Each structure stands twice: as C-alpha cells, then as structure tokens.
C-alpha atoms as a PDB file:
ATOM      1  CA  UNK A   1     -42.702  16.120  13.622  1.00  0.00           C
ATOM      2  CA  UNK A   2     -42.692  14.795  10.062  1.00  0.00           C
ATOM      3  CA  UNK A   3     -45.680  15.699   7.901  1.00  0.00           C
ATOM      4  CA  UNK A   4     -46.686  16.083   4.248  1.00  0.00           C
ATOM      5  CA  UNK A   5     -45.985  19.829   3.941  1.00  0.00           C
ATOM      6  CA  UNK A   6     -43.055  19.387   1.554  1.00  0.00           C
ATOM      7  CA  UNK A   7     -44.884  16.811  -0.546  1.00  0.00           C
ATOM      8  CA  UNK A   8     -48.003  18.969  -0.693  1.00  0.00           C
ATOM      9  CA  UNK A   9     -46.001  21.967  -1.880  1.00  0.00           C
ATOM     10  CA  UNK A  10     -44.512  19.877  -4.678  1.00  0.00           C
ATOM     11  CA  UNK A  11     -47.956  18.515  -5.560  1.00  0.00           C
ATOM     12  CA  UNK A  12     -49.118  22.124  -5.879  1.00  0.00           C
ATOM     13  CA  UNK A  13     -46.448  22.635  -8.543  1.00  0.00           C
ATOM     14  CA  UNK A  14     -48.093  19.949 -10.653  1.00  0.00           C
ATOM     15  CA  UNK A  15     -46.102  16.868  -9.628  1.00  0.00           C
ATOM     16  CA  UNK A  16     -48.337  13.959  -8.622  1.00  0.00           C
ATOM     17  CA  UNK A  17     -45.942  11.177  -7.709  1.00  0.00           C
ATOM     18  CA  UNK A  18     -43.453  12.483  -5.144  1.00  0.00           C
ATOM     19  CA  UNK A  19     -40.979   9.877  -3.885  1.00  0.00           C
ATOM     20  CA  UNK A  20     -39.161  10.289  -0.588  1.00  0.00           C
ATOM     21  CA  UNK A  21     -35.730   8.605  -0.589  1.00  0.00           C
ATOM     22  CA  UNK A  22     -33.347   7.726   2.233  1.00  0.00           C
ATOM     23  CA  UNK A  23     -30.451   5.362   2.867  1.00  0.00           C
ATOM     24  CA  UNK A  24     -28.986   3.365   5.721  1.00  0.00           C
ATOM     25  CA  UNK A  25     -25.647   1.699   6.347  1.00  0.00           C
ATOM     26  CA  UNK A  26     -23.173   4.312   5.115  1.00  0.00           C
ATOM     27  CA  UNK A  27     -21.010   4.123   8.221  1.00  0.00           C
ATOM     28  CA  UNK A  28     -21.056   0.377   8.772  1.00  0.00           C
ATOM     29  CA  UNK A  29     -17.878  -1.699   8.491  1.00  0.00           C
ATOM     30  CA  UNK A  30     -19.693  -4.605   6.879  1.00  0.00           C
ATOM     31  CA  UNK A  31     -22.654  -5.266   4.629  1.00  0.00           C
ATOM     32  CA  UNK A  32     -24.252  -3.354   1.766  1.00  0.00           C
ATOM     33  CA  UNK A  33     -25.755   0.116   1.890  1.00  0.00           C
ATOM     34  CA  UNK A  34     -29.535   0.103   1.461  1.00  0.00           C
ATOM     35  CA  UNK A  35     -31.918   2.755   0.162  1.00  0.00           C
ATOM     36  CA  UNK A  36     -35.675   2.966  -0.119  1.00  0.00           C
ATOM     37  CA  UNK A  37     -38.032   5.136  -2.139  1.00  0.00           C
ATOM     38  CA  UNK A  38     -41.586   5.668  -0.886  1.00  0.00           C
ATOM     39  CA  UNK A  39     -44.557   7.247  -2.639  1.00  0.00           C
ATOM     40  CA  UNK A  40     -47.846   7.841  -0.876  1.00  0.00           C
ATOM     41  CA  UNK A  41     -50.551   8.098  -3.525  1.00  0.00           C
ATOM     42  CA  UNK A  42     -52.221  10.840  -1.524  1.00  0.00           C
ATOM     43  CA  UNK A  43     -51.701  12.654   1.762  1.00  0.00           C
ATOM     44  CA  UNK A  44     -54.757  11.138   3.424  1.00  0.00           C
ATOM     45  CA  UNK A  45     -53.078   8.117   4.952  1.00  0.00           C
ATOM     46  CA  UNK A  46     -54.050   6.339   8.125  1.00  0.00           C
ATOM     47  CA  UNK A  47     -53.543   7.901  11.530  1.00  0.00           C
ATOM     48  CA  UNK A  48     -51.100   5.040  12.268  1.00  0.00           C
ATOM     49  CA  UNK A  49     -48.705   6.544   9.742  1.00  0.00           C
ATOM     50  CA  UNK A  50     -49.301  10.184  10.517  1.00  0.00           C
ATOM     51  CA  UNK A  51     -48.911   9.986  14.280  1.00  0.00           C
ATOM     52  CA  UNK A  52     -46.146   7.386  14.607  1.00  0.00           C
ATOM     53  CA  UNK A  53     -43.766   7.675  11.679  1.00  0.00           C
ATOM     54  CA  UNK A  54     -40.430   9.373  12.286  1.00  0.00           C
ATOM     55  CA  UNK A  55     -36.731   9.140  11.524  1.00  0.00           C
ATOM     56  CA  UNK A  56     -35.942   5.425  11.867  1.00  0.00           C
ATOM     57  CA  UNK A  57     -33.060   6.138  14.259  1.00  0.00           C
ATOM     58  CA  UNK A  58     -35.530   7.569  16.772  1.00  0.00           C
ATOM     59  CA  UNK A  59     -37.735   4.459  16.796  1.00  0.00           C
ATOM     60  CA  UNK A  60     -37.361   1.132  18.573  1.00  0.00           C
ATOM     61  CA  UNK A  61     -36.782  -1.988  16.504  1.00  0.00           C
ATOM     62  CA  UNK A  62     -40.272  -3.224  17.383  1.00  0.00           C
ATOM     63  CA  UNK A  63     -41.872   0.060  16.300  1.00  0.00           C
ATOM     64  CA  UNK A  64     -39.915   0.099  13.036  1.00  0.00           C
ATOM     65  CA  UNK A  65     -41.056  -3.430  12.214  1.00  0.00           C
ATOM     66  CA  UNK A  66     -44.677  -2.488  12.887  1.00  0.00           C
ATOM     67  CA  UNK A  67     -44.513   0.689  10.823  1.00  0.00           C
ATOM     68  CA  UNK A  68     -42.678  -1.129   8.037  1.00  0.00           C
ATOM     69  CA  UNK A  69     -45.686  -3.387   7.505  1.00  0.00           C
ATOM     70  CA  UNK A  70     -48.054  -0.409   7.473  1.00  0.00           C
ATOM     71  CA  UNK A  71     -45.898   1.498   4.980  1.00  0.00           C
ATOM     72  CA  UNK A  72     -45.669  -1.508   2.669  1.00  0.00           C
ATOM     73  CA  UNK A  73     -49.464  -1.762   2.811  1.00  0.00           C
ATOM     74  CA  UNK A  74     -50.302   1.901   2.305  1.00  0.00           C
ATOM     75  CA  UNK A  75     -47.544   3.170   0.014  1.00  0.00           C
ATOM     76  CA  UNK A  76     -45.621   2.268  -3.106  1.00  0.00           C
ATOM     77  CA  UNK A  77     -42.128   1.177  -2.140  1.00  0.00           C
ATOM     78  CA  UNK A  78     -38.901   0.551  -4.009  1.00  0.00           C
ATOM     79  CA  UNK A  79     -35.805  -0.900  -2.326  1.00  0.00           C
ATOM     80  CA  UNK A  80     -32.250  -0.877  -3.638  1.00  0.00           C
ATOM     81  CA  UNK A  81     -28.822  -1.739  -2.376  1.00  0.00           C
ATOM     82  CA  UNK A  82     -25.193  -1.329  -3.312  1.00  0.00           C
ATOM     83  CA  UNK A  83     -22.949  -4.247  -2.480  1.00  0.00           C
ATOM     84  CA  UNK A  84     -19.680  -4.283  -0.584  1.00  0.00           C
ATOM     85  CA  UNK A  85     -17.975  -4.620  -3.978  1.00  0.00           C
ATOM     86  CA  UNK A  86     -19.798  -1.519  -5.216  1.00  0.00           C
ATOM     87  CA  UNK A  87     -18.713   0.381  -2.109  1.00  0.00           C
ATOM     88  CA  UNK A  88     -15.068  -0.664  -2.445  1.00  0.00           C
ATOM     89  CA  UNK A  89     -14.997   0.065  -6.181  1.00  0.00           C
ATOM     90  CA  UNK A  90     -16.709   3.456  -6.283  1.00  0.00           C
ATOM     91  CA  UNK A  91     -16.536   4.752  -2.659  1.00  0.00           C
ATOM     92  CA  UNK A  92     -19.386   4.925  -0.168  1.00  0.00           C
ATOM     93  CA  UNK A  93     -20.914   8.190  -1.422  1.00  0.00           C
ATOM     94  CA  UNK A  94     -21.253   7.012  -5.006  1.00  0.00           C
ATOM     95  CA  UNK A  95     -22.453   3.606  -3.832  1.00  0.00           C
ATOM     96  CA  UNK A  96     -25.109   5.300  -1.703  1.00  0.00           C
ATOM     97  CA  UNK A  97     -26.457   7.180  -4.716  1.00  0.00           C
ATOM     98  CA  UNK A  98     -26.351   3.936  -6.707  1.00  0.00           C
ATOM     99  CA  UNK A  99     -28.519   2.266  -4.042  1.00  0.00           C
ATOM    100  CA  UNK A 100     -30.919   5.226  -4.222  1.00  0.00           C
ATOM    101  CA  UNK A 101     -31.057   5.010  -8.011  1.00  0.00           C
ATOM    102  CA  UNK A 102     -31.862   1.305  -7.762  1.00  0.00           C
ATOM    103  CA  UNK A 103     -34.569   1.949  -5.167  1.00  0.00           C
ATOM    104  CA  UNK A 104     -36.203   4.564  -7.392  1.00  0.00           C
ATOM    105  CA  UNK A 105     -36.029   2.267 -10.415  1.00  0.00           C
ATOM    106  CA  UNK A 106     -37.705  -0.482  -8.373  1.00  0.00           C
ATOM    107  CA  UNK A 107     -40.835   1.594  -7.809  1.00  0.00           C
ATOM    108  CA  UNK A 108     -43.848   0.175  -9.595  1.00  0.00           C
ATOM    109  CA  UNK A 109     -44.166   3.312 -11.732  1.00  0.00           C
ATOM    110  CA  UNK A 110     -41.877   6.255 -12.431  1.00  0.00           C
ATOM    111  CA  UNK A 111     -41.802   9.043  -9.859  1.00  0.00           C
ATOM    112  CA  UNK A 112     -42.491  12.607 -11.009  1.00  0.00           C
ATOM    113  CA  UNK A 113     -40.292  14.241  -8.376  1.00  0.00           C
ATOM    114  CA  UNK A 114     -37.675  12.950  -5.907  1.00  0.00           C
ATOM    115  CA  UNK A 115     -36.987  14.345  -2.446  1.00  0.00           C
ATOM    116  CA  UNK A 116     -33.788  13.018  -0.888  1.00  0.00           C
ATOM    117  CA  UNK A 117     -32.620  13.096   2.705  1.00  0.00           C
ATOM    118  CA  UNK A 118     -29.403  15.082   2.975  1.00  0.00           C
ATOM    119  CA  UNK A 119     -27.739  17.987   1.236  1.00  0.00           C
ATOM    120  CA  UNK A 120     -26.924  16.435  -2.142  1.00  0.00           C
ATOM    121  CA  UNK A 121     -28.710  15.133  -5.198  1.00  0.00           C
ATOM    122  CA  UNK A 122     -27.560  13.909  -8.608  1.00  0.00           C
ATOM    123  CA  UNK A 123     -28.680  14.881 -12.136  1.00  0.00           C
ATOM    124  CA  UNK A 124     -29.994  11.343 -12.677  1.00  0.00           C
ATOM    125  CA  UNK A 125     -32.719  12.071 -10.121  1.00  0.00           C
ATOM    126  CA  UNK A 126     -33.977  15.334 -11.651  1.00  0.00           C
ATOM    127  CA  UNK A 127     -36.392  16.796 -10.932  1.00  0.00           C
ATOM    128  CA  UNK A 128     -35.347  16.430  -7.340  1.00  0.00           C
ATOM    129  CA  UNK A 129     -34.588  18.313  -4.157  1.00  0.00           C
ATOM    130  CA  UNK A 130     -32.269  17.398  -1.273  1.00  0.00           C
ATOM    131  CA  UNK A 131     -33.848  18.006   2.129  1.00  0.00           C
ATOM    132  CA  UNK A 132     -31.515  18.467   5.091  1.00  0.00           C
ATOM    133  CA  UNK A 133     -32.827  16.355   7.987  1.00  0.00           C
ATOM    134  CA  UNK A 134     -35.579  15.258   5.638  1.00  0.00           C
ATOM    135  CA  UNK A 135     -36.240  12.121   7.659  1.00  0.00           C
ATOM    136  CA  UNK A 136     -37.480  14.328  10.521  1.00  0.00           C
ATOM    137  CA  UNK A 137     -39.752  16.642   8.489  1.00  0.00           C
ATOM    138  CA  UNK A 138     -41.041  14.663   5.493  1.00  0.00           C
ATOM    139  CA  UNK A 139     -43.280  11.646   6.020  1.00  0.00           C
ATOM    140  CA  UNK A 140     -42.240  10.133   2.698  1.00  0.00           C
ATOM    141  CA  UNK A 141     -38.535  10.381   3.530  1.00  0.00           C
ATOM    142  CA  UNK A 142     -39.112   9.186   7.099  1.00  0.00           C
ATOM    143  CA  UNK A 143     -41.037   6.202   5.734  1.00  0.00           C
ATOM    144  CA  UNK A 144     -38.156   5.471   3.353  1.00  0.00           C
ATOM    145  CA  UNK A 145     -35.712   5.573   6.265  1.00  0.00           C
ATOM    146  CA  UNK A 146     -37.792   2.966   8.103  1.00  0.00           C
ATOM    147  CA  UNK A 147     -38.091   0.652   5.104  1.00  0.00           C
ATOM    148  CA  UNK A 148     -34.368   0.889   4.348  1.00  0.00           C
ATOM    149  CA  UNK A 149     -33.426   0.306   7.985  1.00  0.00           C
ATOM    150  CA  UNK A 150     -35.687  -2.718   8.457  1.00  0.00           C
ATOM    151  CA  UNK A 151     -34.591  -4.248   5.146  1.00  0.00           C
ATOM    152  CA  UNK A 152     -30.900  -3.890   5.937  1.00  0.00           C
ATOM    153  CA  UNK A 153     -31.267  -5.039   9.543  1.00  0.00           C
ATOM    154  CA  UNK A 154     -33.018  -8.204   8.405  1.00  0.00           C
ATOM    155  CA  UNK A 155     -30.183  -8.968   6.006  1.00  0.00           C
ATOM    156  CA  UNK A 156     -27.490  -8.416   8.638  1.00  0.00           C
ATOM    157  CA  UNK A 157     -29.318 -10.680  11.088  1.00  0.00           C
ATOM    158  CA  UNK A 158     -29.400 -13.426   8.430  1.00  0.00           C
ATOM    159  CA  UNK A 159     -25.688 -12.922   7.740  1.00  0.00           C
ATOM    160  CA  UNK A 160     -24.940 -13.153  11.457  1.00  0.00           C
ATOM    161  CA  UNK A 161     -26.196 -16.732  11.486  1.00  0.00           C
ATOM    162  CA  UNK A 162     -23.582 -17.602   8.850  1.00  0.00           C
ATOM    163  CA  UNK A 163     -20.740 -15.448  10.151  1.00  0.00           C
ATOM    164  CA  UNK A 164     -20.901 -15.696  13.916  1.00  0.00           C
ATOM    165  CA  UNK A 165     -18.637 -13.813  16.262  1.00  0.00           C
ATOM    166  CA  UNK A 166     -19.031 -10.265  14.932  1.00  0.00           C
ATOM    167  CA  UNK A 167     -22.319  -9.438  16.640  1.00  0.00           C
ATOM    168  CA  UNK A 168     -24.099  -8.427  13.451  1.00  0.00           C
ATOM    169  CA  UNK A 169     -27.445  -9.451  14.897  1.00  0.00           C
ATOM    170  CA  UNK A 170     -27.006  -6.558  17.341  1.00  0.00           C
ATOM    171  CA  UNK A 171     -24.637  -4.048  15.726  1.00  0.00           C
ATOM    172  CA  UNK A 172     -25.782  -4.609  12.120  1.00  0.00           C
ATOM    173  CA  UNK A 173     -22.207  -4.320  10.889  1.00  0.00           C
ATOM    174  CA  UNK A 174     -21.344  -1.047  12.614  1.00  0.00           C
ATOM    175  CA  UNK A 175     -18.127  -0.522  14.537  1.00  0.00           C
ATOM    176  CA  UNK A 176     -18.889  -1.735  18.046  1.00  0.00           C
ATOM    177  CA  UNK A 177     -16.528  -3.321  20.557  1.00  0.00           C
ATOM    178  CA  UNK A 178     -18.043  -6.727  19.788  1.00  0.00           C
ATOM    179  CA  UNK A 179     -17.446  -6.253  16.082  1.00  0.00           C
ATOM    180  CA  UNK A 180     -13.837  -5.175  16.630  1.00  0.00           C
ATOM    181  CA  UNK A 181     -13.229  -8.139  18.926  1.00  0.00           C
ATOM    182  CA  UNK A 182     -14.593 -10.452  16.244  1.00  0.00           C
ATOM    183  CA  UNK A 183     -12.288  -8.904  13.660  1.00  0.00           C
ATOM    184  CA  UNK A 184      -9.273  -9.316  15.955  1.00  0.00           C
ATOM    185  CA  UNK A 185     -10.076 -12.978  16.595  1.00  0.00           C
ATOM    186  CA  UNK A 186     -11.555 -14.121  13.299  1.00  0.00           C
ATOM    187  CA  UNK A 187     -10.287 -11.715  10.665  1.00  0.00           C
ATOM    188  CA  UNK A 188     -12.332 -10.210   7.867  1.00  0.00           C
ATOM    189  CA  UNK A 189     -15.122 -11.795   5.827  1.00  0.00           C
ATOM    190  CA  UNK A 190     -16.367 -11.324   2.285  1.00  0.00           C
ATOM    191  CA  UNK A 191     -18.938  -8.915   3.727  1.00  0.00           C
ATOM    192  CA  UNK A 192     -16.407  -6.471   5.176  1.00  0.00           C
ATOM    193  CA  UNK A 193     -15.688  -3.212   3.362  1.00  0.00           C
ATOM    194  CA  UNK A 194     -12.018  -3.396   2.455  1.00  0.00           C
ATOM    195  CA  UNK A 195     -11.708   0.338   1.799  1.00  0.00           C
ATOM    196  CA  UNK A 196     -12.853   1.286   5.315  1.00  0.00           C
ATOM    197  CA  UNK A 197     -10.064   2.213   7.724  1.00  0.00           C
ATOM    198  CA  UNK A 198     -10.562  -0.538  10.372  1.00  0.00           C
ATOM    199  CA  UNK A 199     -10.471  -3.185   7.648  1.00  0.00           C
ATOM    200  CA  UNK A 200      -7.531  -1.540   5.862  1.00  0.00           C
ATOM    201  CA  UNK A 201      -5.601  -1.640   9.132  1.00  0.00           C
ATOM    202  CA  UNK A 202      -6.183  -5.378   9.501  1.00  0.00           C
ATOM    203  CA  UNK A 203      -5.235  -6.093   5.900  1.00  0.00           C
ATOM    204  CA  UNK A 204      -2.066  -4.021   6.127  1.00  0.00           C
ATOM    205  CA  UNK A 205      -0.951  -5.816   9.297  1.00  0.00           C
ATOM    206  CA  UNK A 206      -1.192  -9.271   7.707  1.00  0.00           C
END
C-alpha cells in the first residue's frame, strides 16, 4: 500500500517540497505522452487520499475520476505532455522525460526534491531519486499517476469524437484489436506515432 514513508524520509533530510512524478501513455500507438507532478504540502491529508489512492492502473475509471478531484483539491499539481511530434523526433523515452520536465515546471512553485516512478532520472531533475514501482509505494507518485492517467484519458476521449473508428474512447490509443481494425480500414491520423512499429508497417506498405 502506498504511503508517505519515502516523502517523510526526504523531508527529514531538510527538503520541504517533495514532488512525486509519473507518466502515462508510453506504449500507446496514438496520442501524446502525459506526466504529472504532485506535491502534498504535508503528510496529514484526508483519509480519502490515504486509504484509496494507488497505482492508477489498479483503479477503475470511476475511482480515478473521483480521486483526481480530491488530489486537485488537496495537493499542488503540475501537468505536462509531449506531443506525437516530440515522440517521433526524439524517441519515446526522451519525450517522456520532456513531459515530466514540463509537469514539474507547471507546478505553482519550485519543488525541492523530485521522486520519479521508474529506474531512471535525469540531471535536470536534481536533486531527485527514481523509485522502482514508485506508484505502488509512494502516495505522491501514485497521485501523479492518477492525474496523468485521467488527463490523458480525457484528451483521447475528445479526440475519439473527431477521429471515429479507432476506439480511442475505450483503448485510449493503445494497440487493441479495435484500434488495429481502424488502422486497416481508415489508415493513420495526425495523432498516430509514426516511429512506432505498427504505424511504420502501414506507412511502408503504402
């Protein structure tokens, strides 16, 4: 269960504003990659947060939406994204860190310390620490995963209304059978990642 143990340890080192950062959308065939940065001003947040928050992938859509509103109310949040063009130009890993950098820069005030879900960080984030499976053990990172997921899902649902036939309202741009069928029938859109293998295959066959 996620808690504030990591954040509290960093607070004890003299850092007051600890931002948890996570991303969503790295493996999708279409749409941007999103990241969120979340700072709780203190570790005494409501029981709604403490008892319910978890890795966004382990929560229902309804629960994520509910928790998203609570997080926005109780924490400081920054959201960033890297576009399909960013992804195609610099690769998905670099674009993911760009989205994280933008999320951190969109916080109301500068963070003192960054904790990032995963096993990598970048010098631009220092002082920072990567936390493997951070979205399952850190409440700040778990909250960031929820905010990023809800933000990206909302965008993909809006895009689905303009680009019907790919099932983005359900698959959010990931590689499902519905999405592949849409690609076979309709071809690619401006929102597809042209450096991802399924899209490369379509482009090379034309």
